[in-house]
Amino acid sequence: MWGLGVPGDRAIALQASAPSPWGQFHDLRWLLVFNDSWLTVALGAVGLVCARSLLDTFVVRQLRPGGRPFLRDALREAAFTSTMLILLLPWAVMGFGVGVVPISWLFFTSVPPVFAIALASGHGSATPEWWHRAPPRGAVLWTAATFGAASLAGLATESAPSWAWVPIAAAVGLFYARAWRGVVSAVALPRRRPRWVPLAPAVGVGMLAVAVSGAAIAFAVVGSRRPPPPQAAPPSPLRRGTTAVLVASGFDSVLSAATSTPTFGLGAGFGVVRFSYRGAGAGGQPLDYGAAATHASLRHLARLMAAQVGSLYRRTGRPVDVVAESEGALVARVFLAAYPHAPVARVVLLSPLDQPGRVYYPPGAGQGFGLATGQVLEGVTDLLAGISPIHLRADSPFLRSVVSEAAGLRGLLSCPTRPAEDLLEPLADALADPAAPGSAVPALVLAAFHGGLLTNPQAQRDVGLLLRGRRVPPDGALDAAETVLRGAAAGWQAPTLPLALYTASPDHPSCAAMTAAVRRWVAAPAV
């Protein structure tokens, strides 16, 4: 895979010989990203089942020689592998979604269910009774240890120089051999009165049922009992000479008379104004908007931000500061790339979406990489729309603009900008971003989850200090924790689709090339 130019996926490749079902999860993620037609989906799935079944059958027979024919064992292993692929498919697709929009909530949705299914079925390659026999304790421990070893191996390969990658891979392979032996030996131990317990299938189906019903209940409770947001102190009036601060919220946010506006403790000389995903009305007043307005394309939203920044600049006569969170941060980044001479003095991005569009799926029924995965993702988003207030289709203008314009967006956050810029990153989001070269933009790590930093007291204090030109010292412990989490989670992402396979762009475009691509795409008049 490295020879094909797949970037940053050493940690995933290390799982090729991992014990079941980690090996099946490894294969499935490659198939979900690199299928480009229904024929390749079918051939890839058949080839995956055959190759994985033969490999695992060979390994188990080395550990436990028996008199049964090899073909019989291989067919049984093929049935087990096929079942695992079906049980793991929904969660692998959610992991694919992390590659589209890298937020930690999707990682929390995809990886823990896979871990639970693995613990319940880790003995499947060693016994035909796996589906109605609870796994022995030794098999559970070795399956869990394999997850830990694969995570540490990902951290090691992403941190180590290139000359150490092969020795690390060899060491991981030796551990997998020991884990295989531990699982097979645990299954072979005599047990008293084995009971008929269909634990593995129940866990696989139960995780999906719990996820769907739990999400439905949570959305219903939040929607019916959430109190109205508190009113913040009124922002300072936008007089001539005032520094306007444009605040952009994230995905599915709303703007109405009840929406609070953070002041960041700025005091006199600053005026805080909300960015509207619908644009500004007469006199530059931001229009109220509903959640659906945030589903628009990045091109459209960048133009709206340019118009609002221009209006605020003309009213105050001073460059505008921009504070943006999550989707709003991506909109701000596209705006800055498309309008390099915009009157912006300072930018603070909260919960930024680092490296979006790492995978691709074609629009509608079109052909292209991720064809089958896009169809499954569309079904998942339709299901989510049926049980929650979130009605975002996989082919919505926002998501379509992310995957279609990946050549200009994927590495944009690592490029410096003309206005002073700072990033406030929640620690949890390190799980959703692959280990990558350091950004040229200063970043502060906060002990928080994705989103909600606009209402986080510490984040508000930090934003206020940064907008006043003061330095906020980083937390060394949180920085170290972010590095560890980012590297350890690298092996549990979906593989990255090289840009050169589906665009005319090189796989590692320069900052100048990405900025030019965004500018051509937005193609709007100057602010």
Protein backbone atom coordinates (compact mmCIF):
# COMPACT_ATOMS: atom_id res chain seq x y z
CA MET A 1 0.00 0.00 0.00
CA TRP A 2 2.88 2.38 0.67
CA GLY A 3 4.11 1.61 -2.86
CA LEU A 4 0.75 2.80 -4.23
CA GLY A 5 1.29 6.12 -2.52
CA VAL A 6 -1.26 5.76 0.25
CA PRO A 7 -0.25 8.45 2.76
CA GLY A 8 -0.08 8.11 6.52
CA ASP A 9 -1.59 4.63 6.76
CA ARG A 10 1.35 2.64 8.10
CA ALA A 11 -0.54 2.07 11.35
CA ILE A 12 -3.47 0.49 9.50
CA ALA A 13 -1.26 -1.75 7.38
CA LEU A 14 0.32 -3.19 10.54
CA GLN A 15 -2.97 -4.95 11.33
CA ALA A 16 -2.84 -7.20 8.24
CA SER A 17 -1.97 -10.34 10.26
CA ALA A 18 -3.85 -9.44 13.45
CA PRO A 19 -5.99 -12.18 15.05
CA SER A 20 -9.68 -12.34 14.21
CA PRO A 21 -11.72 -10.26 13.94
CA TRP A 22 -9.20 -7.40 13.88
CA GLY A 23 -7.84 -8.76 10.62
CA GLN A 24 -11.31 -8.71 9.06
CA PHE A 25 -11.83 -5.13 10.25
CA HIS A 26 -8.51 -4.21 8.63
CA ASP A 27 -9.54 -5.71 5.27
CA LEU A 28 -13.02 -4.20 5.32
CA ARG A 29 -11.76 -0.63 5.69
CA TRP A 30 -9.51 -0.95 2.64
CA LEU A 31 -12.42 -2.31 0.62
CA LEU A 32 -14.76 0.51 1.67
CA VAL A 33 -12.30 3.20 0.51
CA PHE A 34 -10.82 1.64 -2.63
CA ASN A 35 -13.90 0.22 -4.39
CA ASP A 36 -14.68 2.18 -7.58
CA SER A 37 -17.47 0.09 -9.17
CA TRP A 38 -19.94 -2.58 -8.20
CA LEU A 39 -17.73 -5.10 -9.96
CA THR A 40 -14.72 -4.20 -7.83
CA VAL A 41 -16.93 -4.35 -4.75
CA ALA A 42 -18.02 -7.90 -5.61
CA LEU A 43 -14.57 -9.10 -6.65
CA GLY A 44 -12.94 -7.34 -3.71
CA ALA A 45 -15.35 -8.88 -1.21
CA VAL A 46 -14.85 -12.38 -2.63
CA GLY A 47 -11.09 -11.96 -2.75
CA LEU A 48 -11.05 -10.56 0.77
CA VAL A 49 -13.02 -13.50 2.17
CA CYS A 50 -10.87 -16.05 0.34
CA ALA A 51 -7.52 -14.52 1.26
CA ARG A 52 -8.40 -13.87 4.89
CA SER A 53 -9.93 -17.33 5.32
CA LEU A 54 -6.90 -19.09 3.85
CA LEU A 55 -4.47 -17.05 5.95
CA ASP A 56 -6.33 -17.55 9.23
CA THR A 57 -6.92 -21.23 8.53
CA PHE A 58 -3.21 -21.73 7.89
CA VAL A 59 -2.27 -19.93 11.13
CA VAL A 60 -4.72 -21.90 13.28
CA ARG A 61 -3.62 -25.23 11.79
CA GLN A 62 0.01 -24.43 12.63
CA LEU A 63 -1.00 -23.93 16.24
CA ARG A 64 -3.39 -26.85 16.45
CA PRO A 65 -2.62 -29.58 13.91
CA GLY A 66 -5.63 -31.75 13.31
CA GLY A 67 -6.94 -34.49 11.15
CA ARG A 68 -9.70 -32.50 9.48
CA PRO A 69 -9.24 -31.61 5.80
CA PHE A 70 -7.81 -28.16 5.11
CA LEU A 71 -10.67 -27.29 2.75
CA ARG A 72 -13.28 -28.00 5.43
CA ASP A 73 -11.54 -25.69 7.89
CA ALA A 74 -11.15 -23.02 5.20
CA LEU A 75 -14.86 -23.11 4.34
CA ARG A 76 -15.80 -22.79 7.99
CA GLU A 77 -13.39 -19.86 8.33
CA ALA A 78 -14.92 -18.27 5.22
CA ALA A 79 -18.36 -18.42 6.85
CA PHE A 80 -16.96 -16.82 10.00
CA THR A 81 -15.17 -14.10 8.02
CA SER A 82 -18.33 -13.30 6.02
CA THR A 83 -20.35 -13.02 9.22
CA MET A 84 -17.78 -10.69 10.76
CA LEU A 85 -17.78 -8.45 7.71
CA ILE A 86 -21.56 -8.08 7.97
CA LEU A 87 -21.48 -7.36 11.72
CA LEU A 88 -18.62 -4.87 11.38
CA LEU A 89 -19.93 -3.09 8.27
CA PRO A 90 -22.07 -0.38 9.96
CA TRP A 91 -19.23 0.63 12.26
CA ALA A 92 -16.63 0.59 9.50
CA VAL A 93 -18.90 2.92 7.52
CA MET A 94 -19.07 5.27 10.52
CA GLY A 95 -15.27 5.19 10.55
CA PHE A 96 -15.40 6.10 6.87
CA GLY A 97 -17.46 9.10 7.94
CA VAL A 98 -14.58 10.22 10.17
CA GLY A 99 -12.53 10.45 6.99
CA VAL A 100 -15.16 12.76 5.48
CA VAL A 101 -15.61 15.07 8.48
CA PRO A 102 -13.00 14.41 11.20
CA ILE A 103 -14.91 14.85 14.44
CA SER A 104 -14.32 12.70 17.50
CA TRP A 105 -18.02 11.92 18.03
CA LEU A 106 -17.95 9.71 14.91
CA PHE A 107 -14.86 7.92 16.25
CA PHE A 108 -16.66 7.25 19.54
CA THR A 109 -19.59 5.89 17.53
CA SER A 110 -17.51 3.52 15.40
CA VAL A 111 -14.60 2.08 17.40
CA PRO A 112 -16.16 1.04 20.77
CA PRO A 113 -18.81 -1.18 19.08
CA VAL A 114 -16.06 -2.86 17.05
CA PHE A 115 -14.14 -3.49 20.28
CA ALA A 116 -17.21 -5.06 21.91
CA ILE A 117 -17.88 -7.30 18.90
CA ALA A 118 -14.21 -8.35 18.85
CA LEU A 119 -14.24 -9.36 22.51
CA ALA A 120 -17.33 -11.50 21.96
CA SER A 121 -16.09 -13.18 18.77
CA GLY A 122 -12.29 -13.23 19.09
CA HIS A 123 -12.35 -17.04 19.36
CA GLY A 124 -14.23 -17.47 16.09
CA SER A 125 -11.28 -18.66 14.03
CA ALA A 126 -10.37 -21.30 16.62
CA THR A 127 -13.69 -23.08 17.07
CA PRO A 128 -16.80 -23.79 14.99
CA GLU A 129 -18.85 -23.23 18.14
CA TRP A 130 -17.95 -19.53 18.37
CA TRP A 131 -21.49 -18.36 17.58
CA HIS A 132 -23.09 -20.28 20.44
CA ARG A 133 -20.18 -20.54 22.87
CA ALA A 134 -19.05 -17.70 25.12
CA PRO A 135 -15.38 -16.84 24.58
CA PRO A 136 -12.98 -18.15 27.22
CA ARG A 137 -11.34 -15.59 29.43
CA GLY A 138 -7.93 -16.13 27.84
CA ALA A 139 -9.31 -15.41 24.38
CA VAL A 140 -10.96 -12.21 25.62
CA LEU A 141 -7.74 -11.02 27.24
CA TRP A 142 -5.64 -11.70 24.14
CA THR A 143 -8.21 -10.01 21.89
CA ALA A 144 -8.15 -6.92 24.09
CA ALA A 145 -4.35 -7.02 24.24
CA THR A 146 -4.24 -7.08 20.44
CA PHE A 147 -6.22 -3.83 20.33
CA GLY A 148 -3.74 -2.26 22.73
CA ALA A 149 -0.73 -3.56 20.82
CA ALA A 150 -2.10 -2.31 17.50
CA SER A 151 -2.71 1.12 19.04
CA LEU A 152 0.82 1.29 20.48
CA ALA A 153 2.24 0.11 17.16
CA GLY A 154 0.39 2.92 15.40
CA LEU A 155 1.82 5.44 17.84
CA ALA A 156 5.31 4.00 17.34
CA THR A 157 5.22 4.05 13.54
CA GLU A 158 3.80 7.56 13.39
CA SER A 159 6.46 8.82 15.81
CA ALA A 160 9.51 6.83 14.66
CA PRO A 161 11.82 7.62 11.71
CA SER A 162 11.28 5.65 8.52
CA TRP A 163 14.20 3.28 9.14
CA ALA A 164 12.39 1.92 12.21
CA TRP A 165 9.10 1.07 10.51
CA VAL A 166 10.06 -2.44 9.38
CA PRO A 167 11.54 -3.46 12.76
CA ILE A 168 8.38 -2.16 14.45
CA ALA A 169 6.23 -4.14 12.01
CA ALA A 170 8.27 -7.28 12.71
CA ALA A 171 7.85 -6.83 16.48
CA VAL A 172 4.10 -6.37 16.05
CA GLY A 173 3.94 -9.52 13.92
CA LEU A 174 5.66 -11.48 16.68
CA PHE A 175 3.12 -10.21 19.18
CA TYR A 176 0.26 -11.21 16.88
CA ALA A 177 1.76 -14.70 16.66
CA ARG A 178 1.71 -14.91 20.45
CA ALA A 179 -1.84 -13.57 20.55
CA TRP A 180 -2.96 -16.20 18.02
CA ARG A 181 -1.40 -18.88 20.20
CA GLY A 182 -3.08 -17.49 23.31
CA VAL A 183 -6.54 -17.46 21.69
CA VAL A 184 -6.24 -20.98 20.23
CA SER A 185 -4.83 -22.38 23.48
CA ALA A 186 -7.63 -20.81 25.53
CA VAL A 187 -10.26 -22.39 23.27
CA ALA A 188 -8.57 -25.79 23.48
CA LEU A 189 -8.66 -25.89 27.29
CA PRO A 190 -11.30 -28.30 28.65
CA ARG A 191 -14.36 -26.58 30.08
CA ARG A 192 -17.01 -27.93 32.39
CA ARG A 193 -20.53 -28.14 31.07
CA PRO A 194 -20.24 -25.77 28.11
CA ARG A 195 -23.47 -23.83 27.79
CA TRP A 196 -25.27 -22.78 24.62
CA VAL A 197 -24.75 -18.99 24.65
CA PRO A 198 -25.08 -17.13 21.32
CA LEU A 199 -23.08 -14.23 22.73
CA ALA A 200 -21.20 -13.07 19.62
CA PRO A 201 -24.24 -12.71 17.30
CA ALA A 202 -26.23 -11.12 20.13
CA VAL A 203 -23.52 -8.54 20.79
CA GLY A 204 -23.22 -7.72 17.09
CA VAL A 205 -26.93 -7.17 16.60
CA GLY A 206 -27.36 -5.68 20.07
CA MET A 207 -24.74 -2.97 19.50
CA LEU A 208 -26.68 -1.75 16.48
CA ALA A 209 -30.01 -1.87 18.34
CA VAL A 210 -28.57 -0.03 21.34
CA ALA A 211 -27.03 2.61 19.08
CA VAL A 212 -30.28 3.25 17.21
CA SER A 213 -32.61 3.19 20.22
CA GLY A 214 -30.18 5.10 22.42
CA ALA A 215 -29.79 7.83 19.84
CA ALA A 216 -33.56 8.10 19.41
CA ILE A 217 -34.13 8.39 23.16
CA ALA A 218 -31.31 10.88 23.62
CA PHE A 219 -32.53 13.14 20.82
CA ALA A 220 -36.10 12.98 22.14
CA VAL A 221 -35.05 13.87 25.68
CA VAL A 222 -32.75 16.67 24.60
CA GLY A 223 -35.30 18.09 22.22
CA SER A 224 -38.13 18.11 24.81
CA ARG A 225 -36.28 19.07 27.99
CA ARG A 226 -33.42 21.30 26.92
CA PRO A 227 -33.92 24.72 28.50
CA PRO A 228 -33.61 27.82 26.35
CA PRO A 229 -30.04 29.15 26.18
CA PRO A 230 -29.22 31.92 28.64
CA GLN A 231 -29.03 35.47 27.37
CA ALA A 232 -25.54 36.93 27.36
CA ALA A 233 -24.75 40.54 28.05
CA PRO A 234 -25.62 42.67 25.01
CA PRO A 235 -22.63 43.24 22.74
CA SER A 236 -21.05 46.63 22.41
CA PRO A 237 -22.53 48.80 19.66
CA LEU A 238 -20.67 48.86 16.37
CA ARG A 239 -19.54 52.46 16.28
CA ARG A 240 -16.91 53.85 14.00
CA GLY A 241 -13.54 52.72 15.31
CA THR A 242 -14.95 49.64 17.09
CA THR A 243 -13.33 46.27 16.36
CA ALA A 244 -16.06 43.93 15.17
CA VAL A 245 -15.77 40.26 16.18
CA LEU A 246 -17.68 37.93 13.86
CA VAL A 247 -18.61 34.67 15.66
CA ALA A 248 -19.50 31.63 13.53
CA SER A 249 -21.13 28.65 15.23
CA GLY A 250 -20.90 25.05 14.02
CA PHE A 251 -23.02 22.49 12.25
CA ASP A 252 -26.76 22.39 12.98
CA SER A 253 -26.58 25.60 15.03
CA VAL A 254 -29.42 28.11 14.96
CA LEU A 255 -29.66 31.86 15.28
CA SER A 256 -32.71 33.52 16.77
CA ALA A 257 -33.69 36.08 19.36
CA ALA A 258 -33.07 33.46 22.07
CA THR A 259 -29.53 32.66 20.91
CA SER A 260 -26.84 33.84 23.30
CA THR A 261 -23.82 35.73 22.04
CA PRO A 262 -20.52 35.27 23.90
CA THR A 263 -18.67 38.48 24.69
CA PHE A 264 -15.32 36.83 25.61
CA GLY A 265 -14.84 39.50 28.28
CA LEU A 266 -13.56 41.94 25.67
CA GLY A 267 -15.18 45.08 27.05
CA ALA A 268 -15.18 48.47 25.37
CA GLY A 269 -13.72 48.81 21.91
CA PHE A 270 -15.10 45.49 20.68
CA GLY A 271 -18.49 44.56 19.27
CA VAL A 272 -19.49 40.90 18.92
CA VAL A 273 -21.76 39.92 16.02
CA ARG A 274 -23.03 36.47 15.04
CA PHE A 275 -22.30 35.08 11.60
CA SER A 276 -25.50 34.10 9.83
CA TYR A 277 -25.63 31.02 7.62
CA ARG A 278 -28.42 32.84 5.75
CA GLY A 279 -26.55 36.08 5.27
CA ALA A 280 -27.17 39.65 6.40
CA GLY A 281 -30.21 41.82 5.87
CA ALA A 282 -30.68 45.55 5.62
CA GLY A 283 -28.04 47.47 7.52
CA GLY A 284 -25.81 44.40 7.81
CA GLN A 285 -27.98 42.78 10.49
CA PRO A 286 -27.43 38.97 10.52
CA LEU A 287 -30.55 37.06 9.55
CA ASP A 288 -32.01 34.39 11.81
CA TYR A 289 -31.45 30.88 10.50
CA GLY A 290 -32.40 27.30 11.26
CA ALA A 291 -30.24 24.19 11.37
CA ALA A 292 -30.86 23.40 7.69
CA ALA A 293 -29.00 26.58 6.66
CA THR A 294 -25.73 25.06 7.92
CA HIS A 295 -26.05 22.27 5.33
CA ALA A 296 -25.20 24.61 2.44
CA SER A 297 -22.02 24.25 0.41
CA LEU A 298 -18.75 25.71 1.64
CA ARG A 299 -18.56 27.83 -1.49
CA HIS A 300 -21.86 29.53 -0.69
CA LEU A 301 -21.03 29.96 2.99
CA ALA A 302 -17.60 31.45 2.26
CA ARG A 303 -19.27 34.06 0.07
CA LEU A 304 -21.73 34.88 2.85
CA MET A 305 -18.86 35.31 5.32
CA ALA A 306 -17.05 37.57 2.86
CA ALA A 307 -20.13 39.74 2.52
CA GLN A 308 -20.61 40.04 6.29
CA VAL A 309 -16.94 40.81 6.92
CA GLY A 310 -17.04 43.49 4.23
CA SER A 311 -20.18 45.03 5.72
CA LEU A 312 -18.67 45.11 9.23
CA TYR A 313 -15.48 46.68 7.92
CA ARG A 314 -17.37 49.44 6.15
CA ARG A 315 -19.41 50.15 9.29
CA THR A 316 -16.48 50.30 11.71
CA GLY A 317 -13.56 51.30 9.52
CA ARG A 318 -11.41 48.67 11.23
CA PRO A 319 -10.36 45.14 10.22
CA VAL A 320 -12.63 42.42 11.59
CA ASP A 321 -11.71 39.61 14.00
CA VAL A 322 -13.22 36.18 13.28
CA VAL A 323 -13.98 33.49 15.88
CA ALA A 324 -15.35 30.29 14.34
CA GLU A 325 -16.13 26.80 15.60
CA SER A 326 -16.24 23.38 13.86
CA GLU A 327 -18.02 23.82 10.50
CA GLY A 328 -17.75 27.57 10.99
CA ALA A 329 -13.97 27.15 11.31
CA LEU A 330 -13.86 25.36 7.96
CA VAL A 331 -15.98 28.11 6.41
CA ALA A 332 -13.57 30.71 7.81
CA ARG A 333 -10.56 28.87 6.40
CA VAL A 334 -12.14 28.64 2.94
CA PHE A 335 -13.06 32.33 3.15
CA LEU A 336 -9.49 33.34 4.04
CA ALA A 337 -8.07 31.26 1.20
CA ALA A 338 -10.54 32.63 -1.34
CA TYR A 339 -10.19 36.25 -0.18
CA PRO A 340 -6.52 36.76 0.74
CA HIS A 341 -6.93 40.54 0.98
CA ALA A 342 -10.08 40.52 3.13
CA PRO A 343 -10.05 43.09 5.97
CA VAL A 344 -9.42 40.54 8.75
CA ALA A 345 -7.01 41.24 11.62
CA ARG A 346 -7.12 38.05 13.72
CA VAL A 347 -8.72 34.62 13.46
CA VAL A 348 -9.38 32.11 16.26
CA LEU A 349 -10.63 28.68 15.19
CA LEU A 350 -12.30 26.41 17.77
CA SER A 351 -12.67 22.65 17.20
CA PRO A 352 -11.26 23.00 13.66
CA LEU A 353 -11.86 20.22 11.14
CA ASP A 354 -8.32 19.08 10.38
CA GLN A 355 -7.82 17.21 7.07
CA PRO A 356 -11.43 16.79 5.92
CA GLY A 357 -12.19 14.84 2.77
CA ARG A 358 -9.64 12.07 3.32
CA VAL A 359 -12.00 9.66 1.53
CA TYR A 360 -14.37 10.03 -1.40
CA TYR A 361 -17.74 8.80 -2.62
CA PRO A 362 -19.39 9.81 -5.92
CA PRO A 363 -22.56 11.91 -6.16
CA GLY A 364 -25.86 10.14 -6.61
CA ALA A 365 -25.54 6.97 -8.65
CA GLY A 366 -22.28 8.08 -10.27
CA GLN A 367 -19.15 5.99 -10.57
CA GLY A 368 -15.99 6.53 -8.57
CA PHE A 369 -14.08 5.45 -5.50
CA GLY A 370 -16.26 4.73 -2.48
CA LEU A 371 -19.26 3.92 -4.69
CA ALA A 372 -20.76 1.22 -2.46
CA THR A 373 -19.73 2.97 0.74
CA GLY A 374 -21.51 6.15 -0.31
CA GLN A 375 -24.72 4.19 -0.82
CA VAL A 376 -24.45 2.63 2.65
CA LEU A 377 -23.59 6.02 4.15
CA GLU A 378 -26.71 7.44 2.52
CA GLY A 379 -28.76 4.74 4.25
CA VAL A 380 -27.13 5.54 7.59
CA THR A 381 -27.91 9.25 7.27
CA ASP A 382 -31.49 8.44 6.28
CA LEU A 383 -31.82 6.31 9.42
CA LEU A 384 -30.39 9.12 11.52
CA ALA A 385 -32.89 11.53 9.99
CA GLY A 386 -35.70 9.18 11.00
CA ILE A 387 -34.75 9.07 14.69
CA SER A 388 -33.29 12.53 15.28
CA PRO A 389 -33.70 16.19 14.39
CA ILE A 390 -30.58 15.94 12.19
CA HIS A 391 -31.56 15.74 8.53
CA LEU A 392 -28.21 15.75 6.77
CA ARG A 393 -28.01 13.51 3.73
CA ALA A 394 -24.68 12.08 2.64
CA ASP A 395 -25.12 13.97 -0.64
CA SER A 396 -25.99 17.28 1.01
CA PRO A 397 -24.25 20.38 -0.45
CA PHE A 398 -21.99 20.68 2.61
CA LEU A 399 -20.67 17.10 2.60
CA ARG A 400 -20.51 17.02 -1.20
CA SER A 401 -18.37 20.17 -1.23
CA VAL A 402 -16.01 18.61 1.36
CA VAL A 403 -15.33 15.40 -0.60
CA SER A 404 -15.38 16.97 -4.06
CA GLU A 405 -13.00 19.81 -3.20
CA ALA A 406 -10.61 17.75 -1.08
CA ALA A 407 -7.65 18.84 -3.22
CA GLY A 408 -8.03 22.33 -1.79
CA LEU A 409 -9.34 21.48 1.68
CA ARG A 410 -7.51 18.39 2.95
CA GLY A 411 -4.31 20.12 4.06
CA LEU A 412 -5.52 23.72 4.18
CA LEU A 413 -5.43 23.98 7.96
CA SER A 414 -1.68 23.32 8.02
CA CYS A 415 -0.98 26.37 5.86
CA PRO A 416 -0.22 29.78 7.42
CA THR A 417 -2.57 32.68 6.72
CA ARG A 418 -1.99 36.38 6.40
CA PRO A 419 -4.03 37.45 9.47
CA ALA A 420 -2.81 36.30 12.87
CA GLU A 421 -4.41 32.91 13.54
CA ASP A 422 -4.76 30.60 16.53
CA LEU A 423 -6.37 27.18 16.97
CA LEU A 424 -8.15 25.92 20.08
CA GLU A 425 -8.36 22.14 19.73
CA PRO A 426 -10.35 19.84 22.03
CA LEU A 427 -8.29 16.91 23.24
CA ALA A 428 -10.93 14.42 22.11
CA ASP A 429 -10.54 15.43 18.46
CA ALA A 430 -7.03 13.95 18.43
CA LEU A 431 -8.81 10.60 18.00
CA ALA A 432 -10.34 11.69 14.69
CA ASP A 433 -7.25 13.16 13.02
CA PRO A 434 -4.49 10.95 11.67
CA ALA A 435 -0.97 11.65 12.83
CA ALA A 436 0.32 14.33 10.48
CA PRO A 437 3.12 16.90 10.23
CA GLY A 438 2.70 19.79 12.61
CA SER A 439 0.62 22.75 11.56
CA ALA A 440 2.16 26.14 10.89
CA VAL A 441 -0.63 27.66 12.98
CA PRO A 442 -0.25 27.93 16.79
CA ALA A 443 -2.57 25.51 18.57
CA LEU A 444 -3.81 25.29 22.15
CA VAL A 445 -5.22 21.99 23.43
CA LEU A 446 -8.19 22.05 25.82
CA ALA A 447 -9.55 19.18 27.90
CA ALA A 448 -12.86 19.11 26.05
CA PHE A 449 -14.94 17.32 23.44
CA HIS A 450 -15.68 18.52 19.92
CA GLY A 451 -18.04 21.46 19.73
CA GLY A 452 -19.37 23.56 22.56
CA LEU A 453 -16.19 25.60 23.01
CA LEU A 454 -18.09 28.82 22.37
CA THR A 455 -19.85 28.19 25.69
CA ASN A 456 -16.79 26.75 27.46
CA PRO A 457 -15.59 29.23 30.14
CA GLN A 458 -11.91 28.41 29.66
CA ALA A 459 -12.18 28.67 25.88
CA GLN A 460 -13.98 32.00 26.20
CA ARG A 461 -11.21 33.36 28.43
CA ASP A 462 -8.53 32.15 26.02
CA VAL A 463 -10.32 33.68 23.03
CA GLY A 464 -10.62 37.00 24.85
CA LEU A 465 -6.90 37.03 25.61
CA LEU A 466 -5.95 36.12 22.06
CA LEU A 467 -8.17 38.80 20.54
CA ARG A 468 -6.54 41.38 22.80
CA GLY A 469 -3.14 40.27 21.53
CA ARG A 470 -2.04 38.46 24.67
CA ARG A 471 -0.25 35.13 24.79
CA VAL A 472 -1.93 32.03 26.23
CA PRO A 473 0.67 29.53 27.48
CA PRO A 474 0.11 25.95 26.25
CA ASP A 475 -0.46 23.06 28.63
CA GLY A 476 2.47 20.68 28.16
CA ALA A 477 0.59 17.71 29.64
CA LEU A 478 -2.36 18.18 27.27
CA ASP A 479 -0.02 18.62 24.31
CA ALA A 480 1.68 15.33 25.17
CA ALA A 481 -1.67 13.59 25.64
CA GLU A 482 -2.83 14.85 22.24
CA THR A 483 0.29 13.47 20.56
CA VAL A 484 -0.24 10.07 22.18
CA LEU A 485 -3.95 9.90 21.33
CA ARG A 486 -3.41 11.04 17.76
CA GLY A 487 -0.77 8.39 17.11
CA ALA A 488 -2.61 5.60 18.95
CA ALA A 489 -5.83 6.29 17.02
CA ALA A 490 -4.10 6.42 13.63
CA GLY A 491 -4.53 2.67 13.12
CA TRP A 492 -8.29 2.82 13.62
CA GLN A 493 -9.07 5.36 10.89
CA ALA A 494 -10.23 4.57 7.39
CA PRO A 495 -7.35 4.52 4.90
CA THR A 496 -6.70 7.80 3.13
CA LEU A 497 -7.54 7.88 -0.58
CA PRO A 498 -4.67 9.48 -2.52
CA LEU A 499 -5.78 12.63 -4.31
CA ALA A 500 -3.94 11.60 -7.45
CA LEU A 501 -6.32 8.64 -7.90
CA TYR A 502 -9.43 10.76 -8.47
CA THR A 503 -8.30 14.35 -9.07
CA ALA A 504 -5.76 16.12 -11.23
CA SER A 505 -3.98 17.25 -8.08
CA PRO A 506 -0.80 15.69 -6.69
CA ASP A 507 -1.26 13.82 -3.45
CA HIS A 508 0.64 16.42 -1.41
CA PRO A 509 -0.25 19.79 -2.96
CA SER A 510 1.59 22.86 -1.74
CA CYS A 511 -0.14 25.56 0.27
CA ALA A 512 -0.04 27.79 -2.82
CA ALA A 513 -1.73 25.08 -4.90
CA MET A 514 -4.46 24.47 -2.28
CA THR A 515 -5.14 28.19 -1.92
CA ALA A 516 -5.35 28.60 -5.68
CA ALA A 517 -7.74 25.66 -5.95
CA VAL A 518 -10.06 27.16 -3.32
CA ARG A 519 -9.89 30.58 -4.97
CA ARG A 520 -10.88 29.15 -8.35
CA TRP A 521 -13.69 27.17 -6.76
CA VAL A 522 -15.23 30.06 -4.80
CA ALA A 523 -14.59 32.48 -7.70
CA ALA A 524 -16.20 35.51 -6.09
CA PRO A 525 -15.53 39.25 -6.32
CA ALA A 526 -13.21 40.87 -3.80
CA VAL A 527 -14.59 41.96 -0.42
